[in-house]
């Protein structure tokens, strides 16, 4: 095959899908408090669910004073303290565009240990799967390398592996982003949906 033939073949090859076109394959939950509407006890139930009853909400700064009449500022002070406590105790992790798949897989295993899961992710397999999948996409018309970081694809791959173990990856939506990730048993999804419905 000549050089011209090689370029012609490459030019006619189907274009890779843009990586930003990948849909979410896991659920996000809107946890934003509405003054005069939201029962603060719902957050205690969510906390019990995502920690497998292993972290008491009573120790979270601002929770004891939270009420339906609390202001938005009071809620956000509590929310930030709650997420920080969850993260410090290994029950959630934050995933952004700058985080790599190996770190994310390790963080999810930390969550699985914290909630008492009997099985962990194979971190090497997760990394290899990501590196194999990511090169199938393009970004702004250019091919991406195996080192390209895309948080949504990372989360989708981890979510698929968690389902094989009976767990579901979820995201906390706080009206600005859904970077905070947690893990719950698949059979608790309906409960999580019910709790989200009680917030509004």
N, C-alpha and C. Protein backbone atom coordinates (compact mmCIF):
# COMPACT_ATOMS: atom_id res chain seq x y z
N UNK A 1 0.85 -1.19 0.00
CA UNK A 1 0.00 0.00 0.00
C UNK A 1 0.89 1.24 0.00
N UNK A 2 0.59 2.17 -0.91
CA UNK A 2 1.36 3.40 -0.99
C UNK A 2 0.92 4.41 0.06
N UNK A 3 1.72 5.44 0.21
CA UNK A 3 1.41 6.49 1.18
C UNK A 3 0.08 7.15 0.88
N UNK A 4 -0.19 7.41 -0.42
CA UNK A 4 -1.45 8.05 -0.80
C UNK A 4 -2.64 7.18 -0.42
N UNK A 5 -2.52 5.87 -0.65
CA UNK A 5 -3.60 4.96 -0.31
C UNK A 5 -3.87 4.95 1.19
N UNK A 6 -2.82 5.00 1.97
CA UNK A 6 -2.97 4.99 3.43
C UNK A 6 -3.74 6.22 3.89
N UNK A 7 -3.36 7.40 3.39
CA UNK A 7 -4.06 8.62 3.78
C UNK A 7 -5.51 8.59 3.32
N UNK A 8 -5.76 8.04 2.14
CA UNK A 8 -7.13 7.97 1.64
C UNK A 8 -7.98 7.10 2.54
N UNK A 9 -7.43 5.99 2.99
CA UNK A 9 -8.17 5.09 3.87
C UNK A 9 -8.49 5.77 5.19
N UNK A 10 -7.51 6.46 5.76
CA UNK A 10 -7.73 7.15 7.03
C UNK A 10 -8.78 8.24 6.89
N UNK A 11 -8.75 8.95 5.79
CA UNK A 11 -9.68 10.04 5.57
C UNK A 11 -11.12 9.54 5.47
N UNK A 12 -11.31 8.36 4.89
CA UNK A 12 -12.65 7.81 4.69
C UNK A 12 -13.15 6.99 5.88
N UNK A 13 -12.30 6.81 6.88
CA UNK A 13 -12.73 6.03 8.05
C UNK A 13 -13.80 6.80 8.80
N UNK A 14 -14.76 6.09 9.40
CA UNK A 14 -15.82 6.80 10.14
C UNK A 14 -15.23 7.62 11.29
N UNK A 15 -15.75 8.81 11.45
CA UNK A 15 -15.25 9.68 12.52
C UNK A 15 -15.65 9.13 13.87
N UNK A 16 -14.75 9.27 14.84
CA UNK A 16 -15.07 8.83 16.20
C UNK A 16 -16.08 9.78 16.82
N UNK A 17 -16.95 9.25 17.65
CA UNK A 17 -17.90 10.09 18.36
C UNK A 17 -17.17 11.01 19.33
N UNK A 18 -17.66 12.24 19.45
CA UNK A 18 -17.06 13.17 20.40
C UNK A 18 -17.31 12.66 21.81
N UNK A 19 -16.30 12.71 22.62
CA UNK A 19 -16.40 12.15 23.97
C UNK A 19 -17.46 12.86 24.82
N UNK A 20 -17.72 14.14 24.50
CA UNK A 20 -18.72 14.88 25.27
C UNK A 20 -20.15 14.44 24.96
N UNK A 21 -20.31 13.56 23.96
CA UNK A 21 -21.64 13.06 23.62
C UNK A 21 -22.04 11.84 24.44
N UNK A 22 -21.14 11.34 25.28
CA UNK A 22 -21.44 10.16 26.09
C UNK A 22 -22.52 10.50 27.12
N UNK A 23 -23.61 9.71 27.19
CA UNK A 23 -24.66 9.99 28.18
C UNK A 23 -24.29 9.44 29.56
N UNK A 24 -24.90 10.01 30.59
CA UNK A 24 -24.73 9.49 31.95
C UNK A 24 -25.31 8.09 32.04
N UNK A 25 -24.64 7.20 32.74
CA UNK A 25 -25.14 5.85 32.95
C UNK A 25 -25.32 5.57 34.44
N UNK A 26 -25.55 6.63 35.20
CA UNK A 26 -25.81 6.49 36.64
C UNK A 26 -26.70 7.65 37.03
N UNK A 27 -27.25 7.61 38.24
CA UNK A 27 -28.25 8.60 38.64
C UNK A 27 -27.69 9.67 39.56
N UNK A 28 -28.22 10.87 39.38
CA UNK A 28 -27.92 11.97 40.28
C UNK A 28 -29.16 12.33 41.07
N UNK A 29 -28.97 12.78 42.30
CA UNK A 29 -30.10 13.10 43.18
C UNK A 29 -29.99 14.54 43.65
N UNK A 30 -31.09 15.28 43.47
CA UNK A 30 -31.13 16.69 43.85
C UNK A 30 -31.35 16.80 45.35
N UNK A 31 -30.35 17.29 46.06
CA UNK A 31 -30.40 17.34 47.52
C UNK A 31 -30.53 18.76 48.06
N UNK A 32 -31.04 19.67 47.25
CA UNK A 32 -31.11 21.07 47.67
C UNK A 32 -32.34 21.34 48.52
N UNK A 33 -32.10 21.84 49.71
CA UNK A 33 -33.10 22.20 50.71
C UNK A 33 -33.95 23.37 50.23
N UNK A 34 -35.28 23.30 50.48
CA UNK A 34 -36.15 24.44 50.21
C UNK A 34 -36.79 24.90 51.51
N UNK A 35 -36.52 26.16 51.84
CA UNK A 35 -37.02 26.73 53.09
C UNK A 35 -38.53 26.58 53.20
N UNK A 36 -38.99 26.15 54.37
CA UNK A 36 -40.42 26.01 54.62
C UNK A 36 -41.03 24.75 54.05
N UNK A 37 -40.21 23.95 53.37
CA UNK A 37 -40.72 22.74 52.70
C UNK A 37 -40.02 21.48 53.17
N UNK A 38 -38.70 21.53 53.19
CA UNK A 38 -37.91 20.32 53.42
C UNK A 38 -37.81 19.96 54.90
N UNK A 39 -38.08 18.70 55.20
CA UNK A 39 -37.92 18.18 56.55
C UNK A 39 -36.45 17.79 56.73
N UNK A 40 -35.72 18.42 57.63
CA UNK A 40 -34.29 18.10 57.83
C UNK A 40 -34.04 16.63 58.16
N UNK A 41 -35.04 15.96 58.74
CA UNK A 41 -34.86 14.55 59.10
C UNK A 41 -34.59 13.69 57.86
N UNK A 42 -35.00 14.17 56.70
CA UNK A 42 -34.76 13.42 55.46
C UNK A 42 -33.25 13.27 55.23
N UNK A 43 -32.49 14.30 55.58
CA UNK A 43 -31.05 14.24 55.39
C UNK A 43 -30.43 13.17 56.30
N UNK A 44 -31.02 13.00 57.46
CA UNK A 44 -30.55 11.95 58.36
C UNK A 44 -30.80 10.57 57.74
N UNK A 45 -31.93 10.42 57.07
CA UNK A 45 -32.24 9.14 56.40
C UNK A 45 -31.31 8.90 55.22
N UNK A 46 -31.02 9.96 54.45
CA UNK A 46 -30.08 9.82 53.34
C UNK A 46 -28.70 9.45 53.86
N UNK A 47 -28.30 10.11 54.95
CA UNK A 47 -27.01 9.83 55.56
C UNK A 47 -26.92 8.36 55.98
N UNK A 48 -27.98 7.85 56.60
CA UNK A 48 -27.99 6.45 57.02
C UNK A 48 -27.86 5.52 55.82
N UNK A 49 -28.51 5.89 54.73
CA UNK A 49 -28.47 5.05 53.53
C UNK A 49 -27.08 5.01 52.91
N UNK A 50 -26.47 6.19 52.71
CA UNK A 50 -25.18 6.22 52.01
C UNK A 50 -24.01 5.77 52.89
N UNK A 51 -24.21 5.74 54.21
CA UNK A 51 -23.14 5.28 55.10
C UNK A 51 -23.41 3.88 55.66
N UNK A 52 -24.51 3.28 55.22
CA UNK A 52 -24.91 1.98 55.76
C UNK A 52 -25.00 2.02 57.28
N UNK A 53 -25.58 3.12 57.78
CA UNK A 53 -25.78 3.35 59.22
C UNK A 53 -24.47 3.39 60.01
N UNK A 54 -23.38 3.76 59.37
CA UNK A 54 -22.09 3.74 60.04
C UNK A 54 -21.59 5.14 60.43
N UNK A 55 -22.35 6.19 60.11
CA UNK A 55 -21.98 7.54 60.55
C UNK A 55 -23.23 8.24 61.05
N UNK A 56 -23.13 8.77 62.25
CA UNK A 56 -24.27 9.43 62.88
C UNK A 56 -24.33 10.89 62.46
N UNK A 57 -25.50 11.30 61.98
CA UNK A 57 -25.68 12.68 61.55
C UNK A 57 -25.61 13.67 62.72
N UNK A 58 -25.86 13.19 63.93
CA UNK A 58 -25.89 14.08 65.09
C UNK A 58 -24.56 14.81 65.29
N UNK A 59 -23.47 14.24 64.82
CA UNK A 59 -22.17 14.87 64.99
C UNK A 59 -21.83 15.89 63.92
N UNK A 60 -22.70 16.06 62.94
CA UNK A 60 -22.42 16.99 61.84
C UNK A 60 -22.82 18.41 62.25
N UNK A 61 -21.88 19.32 62.13
CA UNK A 61 -22.11 20.71 62.53
C UNK A 61 -23.30 21.30 61.78
N UNK A 62 -24.20 21.91 62.52
CA UNK A 62 -25.34 22.60 61.92
C UNK A 62 -26.59 21.76 61.77
N UNK A 63 -26.46 20.43 61.93
CA UNK A 63 -27.65 19.60 61.72
C UNK A 63 -28.68 19.79 62.82
N UNK A 64 -28.22 19.86 64.07
CA UNK A 64 -29.16 19.98 65.20
C UNK A 64 -30.01 21.24 65.12
N UNK A 65 -29.49 22.30 64.51
CA UNK A 65 -30.24 23.55 64.44
C UNK A 65 -30.99 23.72 63.12
N UNK A 66 -30.86 22.75 62.21
CA UNK A 66 -31.54 22.85 60.92
C UNK A 66 -33.03 22.58 61.09
N UNK A 67 -33.87 23.42 60.50
CA UNK A 67 -35.32 23.24 60.56
C UNK A 67 -35.94 23.70 59.25
N UNK A 68 -37.24 23.47 59.10
CA UNK A 68 -37.92 23.93 57.89
C UNK A 68 -37.81 25.44 57.73
N UNK A 69 -37.61 26.14 58.83
CA UNK A 69 -37.51 27.59 58.80
C UNK A 69 -36.08 28.11 58.62
N UNK A 70 -35.13 27.19 58.52
CA UNK A 70 -33.74 27.62 58.34
C UNK A 70 -33.58 28.36 57.02
N UNK A 71 -32.64 29.28 57.00
CA UNK A 71 -32.35 30.03 55.79
C UNK A 71 -31.50 29.18 54.84
N UNK A 72 -31.40 29.64 53.61
CA UNK A 72 -30.54 28.94 52.65
C UNK A 72 -29.09 28.94 53.12
N UNK A 73 -28.64 30.05 53.70
CA UNK A 73 -27.27 30.13 54.20
C UNK A 73 -27.02 29.08 55.28
N UNK A 74 -27.99 28.92 56.18
CA UNK A 74 -27.85 27.92 57.25
C UNK A 74 -27.80 26.52 56.66
N UNK A 75 -28.64 26.29 55.62
CA UNK A 75 -28.60 24.97 54.98
C UNK A 75 -27.24 24.70 54.36
N UNK A 76 -26.69 25.67 53.62
CA UNK A 76 -25.43 25.44 52.94
C UNK A 76 -24.28 25.24 53.92
N UNK A 77 -24.34 25.91 55.07
CA UNK A 77 -23.32 25.67 56.09
C UNK A 77 -23.39 24.23 56.58
N UNK A 78 -24.63 23.75 56.81
CA UNK A 78 -24.79 22.35 57.21
C UNK A 78 -24.34 21.42 56.09
N UNK A 79 -24.79 21.68 54.87
CA UNK A 79 -24.50 20.79 53.73
C UNK A 79 -23.00 20.64 53.53
N UNK A 80 -22.27 21.74 53.56
CA UNK A 80 -20.82 21.69 53.39
C UNK A 80 -20.16 20.88 54.50
N UNK A 81 -20.63 21.05 55.73
CA UNK A 81 -20.08 20.29 56.86
C UNK A 81 -20.40 18.81 56.72
N UNK A 82 -21.60 18.51 56.24
CA UNK A 82 -22.02 17.11 56.05
C UNK A 82 -21.16 16.42 54.98
N UNK A 83 -21.00 17.06 53.83
CA UNK A 83 -20.20 16.47 52.76
C UNK A 83 -18.75 16.28 53.21
N UNK A 84 -18.23 17.26 53.95
CA UNK A 84 -16.86 17.13 54.47
C UNK A 84 -16.74 15.95 55.42
N UNK A 85 -17.74 15.77 56.30
CA UNK A 85 -17.71 14.64 57.23
C UNK A 85 -17.82 13.30 56.49
N UNK A 86 -18.69 13.26 55.48
CA UNK A 86 -18.82 12.04 54.67
C UNK A 86 -17.51 11.71 53.98
N UNK A 87 -16.86 12.73 53.43
CA UNK A 87 -15.60 12.50 52.72
C UNK A 87 -14.49 12.08 53.67
N UNK A 88 -14.40 12.75 54.82
CA UNK A 88 -13.35 12.41 55.79
C UNK A 88 -13.49 10.99 56.31
N UNK A 89 -14.74 10.51 56.37
CA UNK A 89 -14.99 9.16 56.88
C UNK A 89 -15.08 8.10 55.78
N UNK A 90 -14.79 8.51 54.55
CA UNK A 90 -14.69 7.54 53.46
C UNK A 90 -15.99 7.12 52.83
N UNK A 91 -17.05 7.92 52.94
CA UNK A 91 -18.34 7.52 52.40
C UNK A 91 -18.69 8.20 51.07
N UNK A 92 -17.99 9.23 50.70
CA UNK A 92 -18.17 9.87 49.40
C UNK A 92 -16.81 10.26 48.86
N UNK A 93 -16.78 10.54 47.56
CA UNK A 93 -15.58 11.07 46.94
C UNK A 93 -16.00 12.10 45.91
N UNK A 94 -15.10 12.97 45.56
CA UNK A 94 -15.40 13.98 44.55
C UNK A 94 -14.66 13.64 43.27
N UNK A 95 -15.39 13.64 42.16
CA UNK A 95 -14.80 13.34 40.85
C UNK A 95 -14.96 14.55 39.94
N UNK A 96 -13.84 15.06 39.44
CA UNK A 96 -13.87 16.19 38.51
C UNK A 96 -13.08 15.82 37.26
N UNK A 97 -13.09 16.72 36.28
CA UNK A 97 -12.41 16.47 35.01
C UNK A 97 -10.91 16.24 35.18
N UNK A 98 -10.33 16.73 36.25
CA UNK A 98 -8.89 16.61 36.43
C UNK A 98 -8.47 15.32 37.13
N UNK A 99 -9.45 14.55 37.62
CA UNK A 99 -9.13 13.32 38.36
C UNK A 99 -8.95 12.15 37.40
N UNK A 100 -7.96 11.30 37.67
CA UNK A 100 -7.72 10.16 36.78
C UNK A 100 -8.47 8.92 37.26
N UNK A 101 -8.63 7.97 36.37
CA UNK A 101 -9.43 6.79 36.63
C UNK A 101 -8.85 5.93 37.76
N UNK A 102 -7.54 5.86 37.86
CA UNK A 102 -6.93 5.05 38.92
C UNK A 102 -7.26 5.59 40.30
N UNK A 103 -7.16 6.91 40.44
CA UNK A 103 -7.50 7.54 41.72
C UNK A 103 -8.97 7.35 42.04
N UNK A 104 -9.83 7.51 41.04
CA UNK A 104 -11.26 7.35 41.26
C UNK A 104 -11.60 5.92 41.68
N UNK A 105 -11.03 4.93 41.02
CA UNK A 105 -11.29 3.54 41.38
C UNK A 105 -10.84 3.26 42.81
N UNK A 106 -9.69 3.80 43.20
CA UNK A 106 -9.19 3.63 44.57
C UNK A 106 -10.13 4.30 45.57
N UNK A 107 -10.65 5.48 45.21
CA UNK A 107 -11.59 6.18 46.09
C UNK A 107 -12.88 5.38 46.27
N UNK A 108 -13.36 4.78 45.19
CA UNK A 108 -14.58 3.96 45.29
C UNK A 108 -14.33 2.74 46.16
N UNK A 109 -13.16 2.15 46.06
CA UNK A 109 -12.84 1.03 46.95
C UNK A 109 -12.81 1.46 48.40
N UNK A 110 -12.35 2.68 48.65
CA UNK A 110 -12.37 3.21 50.02
C UNK A 110 -13.81 3.30 50.52
N UNK A 111 -14.72 3.76 49.65
CA UNK A 111 -16.13 3.82 50.01
C UNK A 111 -16.68 2.42 50.29
N UNK A 112 -16.35 1.47 49.43
CA UNK A 112 -16.84 0.10 49.62
C UNK A 112 -16.37 -0.47 50.95
N UNK A 113 -15.13 -0.19 51.31
CA UNK A 113 -14.63 -0.65 52.62
C UNK A 113 -15.40 0.03 53.76
N UNK A 114 -15.65 1.33 53.60
CA UNK A 114 -16.32 2.09 54.65
C UNK A 114 -17.74 1.62 54.90
N UNK A 115 -18.44 1.22 53.84
CA UNK A 115 -19.82 0.76 54.02
C UNK A 115 -19.90 -0.73 54.32
N UNK A 116 -18.74 -1.39 54.36
CA UNK A 116 -18.71 -2.80 54.73
C UNK A 116 -19.00 -3.76 53.60
N UNK A 117 -18.69 -3.37 52.36
CA UNK A 117 -18.92 -4.26 51.22
C UNK A 117 -18.01 -5.48 51.29
N UNK A 118 -18.51 -6.60 50.80
CA UNK A 118 -17.74 -7.85 50.84
C UNK A 118 -16.77 -7.96 49.68
N UNK A 119 -16.93 -7.10 48.67
CA UNK A 119 -16.13 -7.20 47.46
C UNK A 119 -15.64 -5.82 47.05
N UNK A 120 -14.46 -5.78 46.44
CA UNK A 120 -13.89 -4.52 45.96
C UNK A 120 -13.71 -4.55 44.45
N UNK A 121 -13.58 -3.38 43.86
CA UNK A 121 -13.27 -3.29 42.44
C UNK A 121 -11.85 -3.76 42.19
N UNK A 122 -11.63 -4.34 41.02
CA UNK A 122 -10.27 -4.63 40.58
C UNK A 122 -9.75 -3.36 39.90
N UNK A 123 -8.93 -2.62 40.61
CA UNK A 123 -8.52 -1.30 40.13
C UNK A 123 -7.75 -1.37 38.82
N UNK A 124 -6.90 -2.39 38.65
CA UNK A 124 -6.14 -2.53 37.40
C UNK A 124 -7.07 -2.77 36.22
N UNK A 125 -8.09 -3.60 36.42
CA UNK A 125 -9.05 -3.86 35.34
C UNK A 125 -9.83 -2.60 34.98
N UNK A 126 -10.21 -1.83 35.99
CA UNK A 126 -10.93 -0.59 35.74
C UNK A 126 -10.08 0.37 34.90
N UNK A 127 -8.81 0.51 35.26
CA UNK A 127 -7.91 1.39 34.52
C UNK A 127 -7.75 0.90 33.08
N UNK A 128 -7.54 -0.40 32.90
CA UNK A 128 -7.36 -0.95 31.56
C UNK A 128 -8.62 -0.78 30.71
N UNK A 129 -9.78 -1.00 31.32
CA UNK A 129 -11.04 -0.82 30.59
C UNK A 129 -11.19 0.63 30.13
N UNK A 130 -10.89 1.56 31.02
CA UNK A 130 -10.99 2.98 30.66
C UNK A 130 -10.04 3.33 29.52
N UNK A 131 -8.81 2.88 29.63
CA UNK A 131 -7.81 3.22 28.61
C UNK A 131 -8.18 2.62 27.25
N UNK A 132 -8.86 1.48 27.26
CA UNK A 132 -9.31 0.86 26.02
C UNK A 132 -10.50 1.62 25.43
N UNK A 133 -11.40 2.07 26.29
CA UNK A 133 -12.61 2.76 25.83
C UNK A 133 -12.36 4.19 25.39
N UNK A 134 -11.54 4.92 26.13
CA UNK A 134 -11.40 6.35 25.88
C UNK A 134 -10.83 6.64 24.49
N UNK A 135 -9.97 5.77 23.99
CA UNK A 135 -9.34 6.03 22.68
C UNK A 135 -10.32 5.83 21.53
N UNK A 136 -11.53 5.36 21.81
CA UNK A 136 -12.54 5.21 20.77
C UNK A 136 -13.25 6.53 20.47
N UNK A 137 -12.91 7.57 21.22
CA UNK A 137 -13.59 8.85 21.09
C UNK A 137 -12.66 9.95 20.59
N UNK A 138 -13.27 11.05 20.20
CA UNK A 138 -12.52 12.24 19.82
C UNK A 138 -12.94 13.38 20.73
N UNK A 139 -12.14 14.45 20.71
CA UNK A 139 -12.49 15.65 21.46
C UNK A 139 -12.21 16.84 20.56
N UNK A 140 -13.27 17.58 20.24
CA UNK A 140 -13.18 18.74 19.35
C UNK A 140 -12.53 18.34 18.02
N UNK A 141 -12.89 17.15 17.55
CA UNK A 141 -12.44 16.68 16.24
C UNK A 141 -11.12 15.95 16.23
N UNK A 142 -10.41 15.95 17.35
CA UNK A 142 -9.10 15.29 17.40
C UNK A 142 -9.19 14.00 18.21
N UNK A 143 -8.44 12.97 17.80
CA UNK A 143 -8.44 11.73 18.59
C UNK A 143 -7.92 11.99 20.00
N UNK A 144 -8.41 11.21 20.94
CA UNK A 144 -7.91 11.34 22.31
C UNK A 144 -6.98 10.18 22.63
N UNK A 145 -6.08 10.41 23.56
CA UNK A 145 -5.13 9.37 23.96
C UNK A 145 -5.69 8.58 25.13
N UNK A 146 -5.01 7.50 25.46
CA UNK A 146 -5.42 6.66 26.59
C UNK A 146 -5.30 7.39 27.91
N UNK A 147 -4.55 8.50 27.94
CA UNK A 147 -4.37 9.27 29.17
C UNK A 147 -5.38 10.42 29.30
N UNK A 148 -6.26 10.57 28.33
CA UNK A 148 -7.26 11.64 28.37
C UNK A 148 -8.18 11.42 29.56
N UNK A 149 -8.44 12.49 30.31
CA UNK A 149 -9.28 12.37 31.51
C UNK A 149 -10.69 12.89 31.21
N UNK A 150 -11.68 12.02 31.41
CA UNK A 150 -13.07 12.46 31.25
C UNK A 150 -13.89 11.82 32.36
N UNK A 151 -14.33 12.66 33.29
CA UNK A 151 -14.96 12.15 34.50
C UNK A 151 -16.22 11.33 34.23
N UNK A 152 -17.01 11.71 33.24
CA UNK A 152 -18.26 10.99 32.99
C UNK A 152 -17.98 9.56 32.51
N UNK A 153 -17.03 9.39 31.62
CA UNK A 153 -16.68 8.05 31.17
C UNK A 153 -16.09 7.24 32.31
N UNK A 154 -15.27 7.86 33.13
CA UNK A 154 -14.71 7.17 34.31
C UNK A 154 -15.85 6.66 35.20
N UNK A 155 -16.81 7.54 35.47
CA UNK A 155 -17.93 7.17 36.35
C UNK A 155 -18.79 6.08 35.72
N UNK A 156 -19.03 6.16 34.41
CA UNK A 156 -19.83 5.13 33.75
C UNK A 156 -19.19 3.75 33.85
N UNK A 157 -17.89 3.69 33.65
CA UNK A 157 -17.18 2.41 33.72
C UNK A 157 -17.23 1.84 35.14
N UNK A 158 -17.01 2.69 36.13
CA UNK A 158 -17.08 2.24 37.52
C UNK A 158 -18.50 1.82 37.88
N UNK A 159 -19.50 2.58 37.41
CA UNK A 159 -20.90 2.24 37.69
C UNK A 159 -21.25 0.85 37.15
N UNK A 160 -20.77 0.54 35.95
CA UNK A 160 -21.05 -0.77 35.35
C UNK A 160 -20.45 -1.90 36.18
N UNK A 161 -19.25 -1.69 36.69
CA UNK A 161 -18.61 -2.73 37.51
C UNK A 161 -19.29 -2.86 38.87
N UNK A 162 -19.72 -1.74 39.44
CA UNK A 162 -20.40 -1.80 40.73
C UNK A 162 -21.71 -2.59 40.63
N UNK A 163 -22.42 -2.44 39.52
CA UNK A 163 -23.69 -3.16 39.35
C UNK A 163 -23.48 -4.67 39.38
N UNK A 164 -22.36 -5.13 38.87
CA UNK A 164 -22.06 -6.57 38.90
C UNK A 164 -21.92 -7.06 40.34
N UNK A 165 -21.62 -6.14 41.26
CA UNK A 165 -21.43 -6.48 42.66
C UNK A 165 -22.67 -6.18 43.51
N UNK A 166 -23.73 -5.68 42.86
CA UNK A 166 -24.96 -5.37 43.59
C UNK A 166 -25.03 -3.97 44.15
N UNK A 167 -24.20 -3.07 43.61
CA UNK A 167 -24.19 -1.69 44.08
C UNK A 167 -24.45 -0.71 42.94
N UNK A 168 -24.81 0.50 43.32
CA UNK A 168 -25.08 1.54 42.34
C UNK A 168 -24.28 2.79 42.69
N UNK A 169 -23.66 3.38 41.68
CA UNK A 169 -22.99 4.67 41.86
C UNK A 169 -24.05 5.76 41.78
N UNK A 170 -24.02 6.71 42.71
CA UNK A 170 -24.95 7.83 42.67
C UNK A 170 -24.17 9.13 42.81
N UNK A 171 -24.79 10.21 42.37
CA UNK A 171 -24.19 11.54 42.49
C UNK A 171 -25.12 12.44 43.28
N UNK A 172 -24.54 13.31 44.10
CA UNK A 172 -25.31 14.32 44.82
C UNK A 172 -25.32 15.58 43.98
N UNK A 173 -26.50 16.04 43.56
CA UNK A 173 -26.61 17.29 42.83
C UNK A 173 -26.95 18.40 43.81
N UNK A 174 -26.14 19.45 43.81
CA UNK A 174 -26.32 20.54 44.78
C UNK A 174 -26.70 21.86 44.12
N UNK A 175 -27.29 21.77 42.94
CA UNK A 175 -27.73 22.90 42.11
C UNK A 175 -26.59 23.56 41.34
N UNK A 176 -25.34 23.17 41.63
CA UNK A 176 -24.20 23.71 40.90
C UNK A 176 -23.44 22.62 40.15
N UNK A 177 -23.25 21.46 40.78
CA UNK A 177 -22.54 20.36 40.12
C UNK A 177 -23.00 19.04 40.74
N UNK A 178 -22.53 17.96 40.16
CA UNK A 178 -22.82 16.63 40.71
C UNK A 178 -21.52 15.84 40.88
N UNK A 179 -20.50 16.53 41.37
CA UNK A 179 -19.17 15.93 41.51
C UNK A 179 -19.09 14.93 42.66
N UNK A 180 -19.92 15.08 43.68
CA UNK A 180 -19.84 14.20 44.85
C UNK A 180 -20.51 12.87 44.53
N UNK A 181 -19.74 11.78 44.69
CA UNK A 181 -20.23 10.45 44.36
C UNK A 181 -20.29 9.58 45.62
N UNK A 182 -21.31 8.72 45.67
CA UNK A 182 -21.47 7.76 46.76
C UNK A 182 -21.87 6.42 46.15
N UNK A 183 -21.94 5.41 46.99
CA UNK A 183 -22.30 4.06 46.53
C UNK A 183 -23.38 3.52 47.46
N UNK A 184 -24.47 3.02 46.86
CA UNK A 184 -25.53 2.41 47.66
C UNK A 184 -25.89 1.05 47.05
N UNK A 185 -26.49 0.15 47.83
CA UNK A 185 -26.94 -1.12 47.26
C UNK A 185 -28.02 -0.88 46.20
N UNK A 186 -28.01 -1.69 45.16
CA UNK A 186 -29.00 -1.55 44.09
C UNK A 186 -30.42 -1.64 44.64
N UNK A 187 -30.63 -2.49 45.62
CA UNK A 187 -31.99 -2.65 46.13
C UNK A 187 -32.46 -1.48 47.00
N UNK A 188 -31.60 -0.46 47.16
CA UNK A 188 -31.98 0.74 47.91
C UNK A 188 -32.24 1.94 46.98
N UNK A 189 -32.20 1.73 45.68
CA UNK A 189 -32.41 2.84 44.75
C UNK A 189 -33.79 3.45 44.93
N UNK A 190 -34.81 2.61 45.06
CA UNK A 190 -36.17 3.13 45.21
C UNK A 190 -36.30 3.95 46.49
N UNK A 191 -35.61 3.54 47.55
CA UNK A 191 -35.62 4.31 48.79
C UNK A 191 -34.95 5.67 48.58
N UNK A 192 -33.83 5.69 47.86
CA UNK A 192 -33.15 6.94 47.59
C UNK A 192 -34.04 7.88 46.78
N UNK A 193 -34.76 7.34 45.82
CA UNK A 193 -35.67 8.14 45.01
C UNK A 193 -36.81 8.70 45.88
N UNK A 194 -37.28 7.87 46.78
CA UNK A 194 -38.35 8.32 47.70
C UNK A 194 -37.87 9.44 48.60
N UNK A 195 -36.64 9.32 49.10
CA UNK A 195 -36.09 10.37 49.97
C UNK A 195 -35.87 11.67 49.20
N UNK A 196 -35.38 11.56 47.96
CA UNK A 196 -35.21 12.76 47.15
C UNK A 196 -36.55 13.46 46.95
N UNK A 197 -37.60 12.67 46.75
CA UNK A 197 -38.93 13.25 46.56
C UNK A 197 -39.43 14.00 47.77
N UNK A 198 -38.97 13.65 48.96
CA UNK A 198 -39.41 14.31 50.19
C UNK A 198 -38.72 15.65 50.42
N UNK A 199 -37.66 15.92 49.67
CA UNK A 199 -36.91 17.16 49.89
C UNK A 199 -37.71 18.36 49.36
N UNK A 200 -38.50 18.13 48.34
CA UNK A 200 -39.27 19.23 47.74
C UNK A 200 -40.73 19.17 48.18
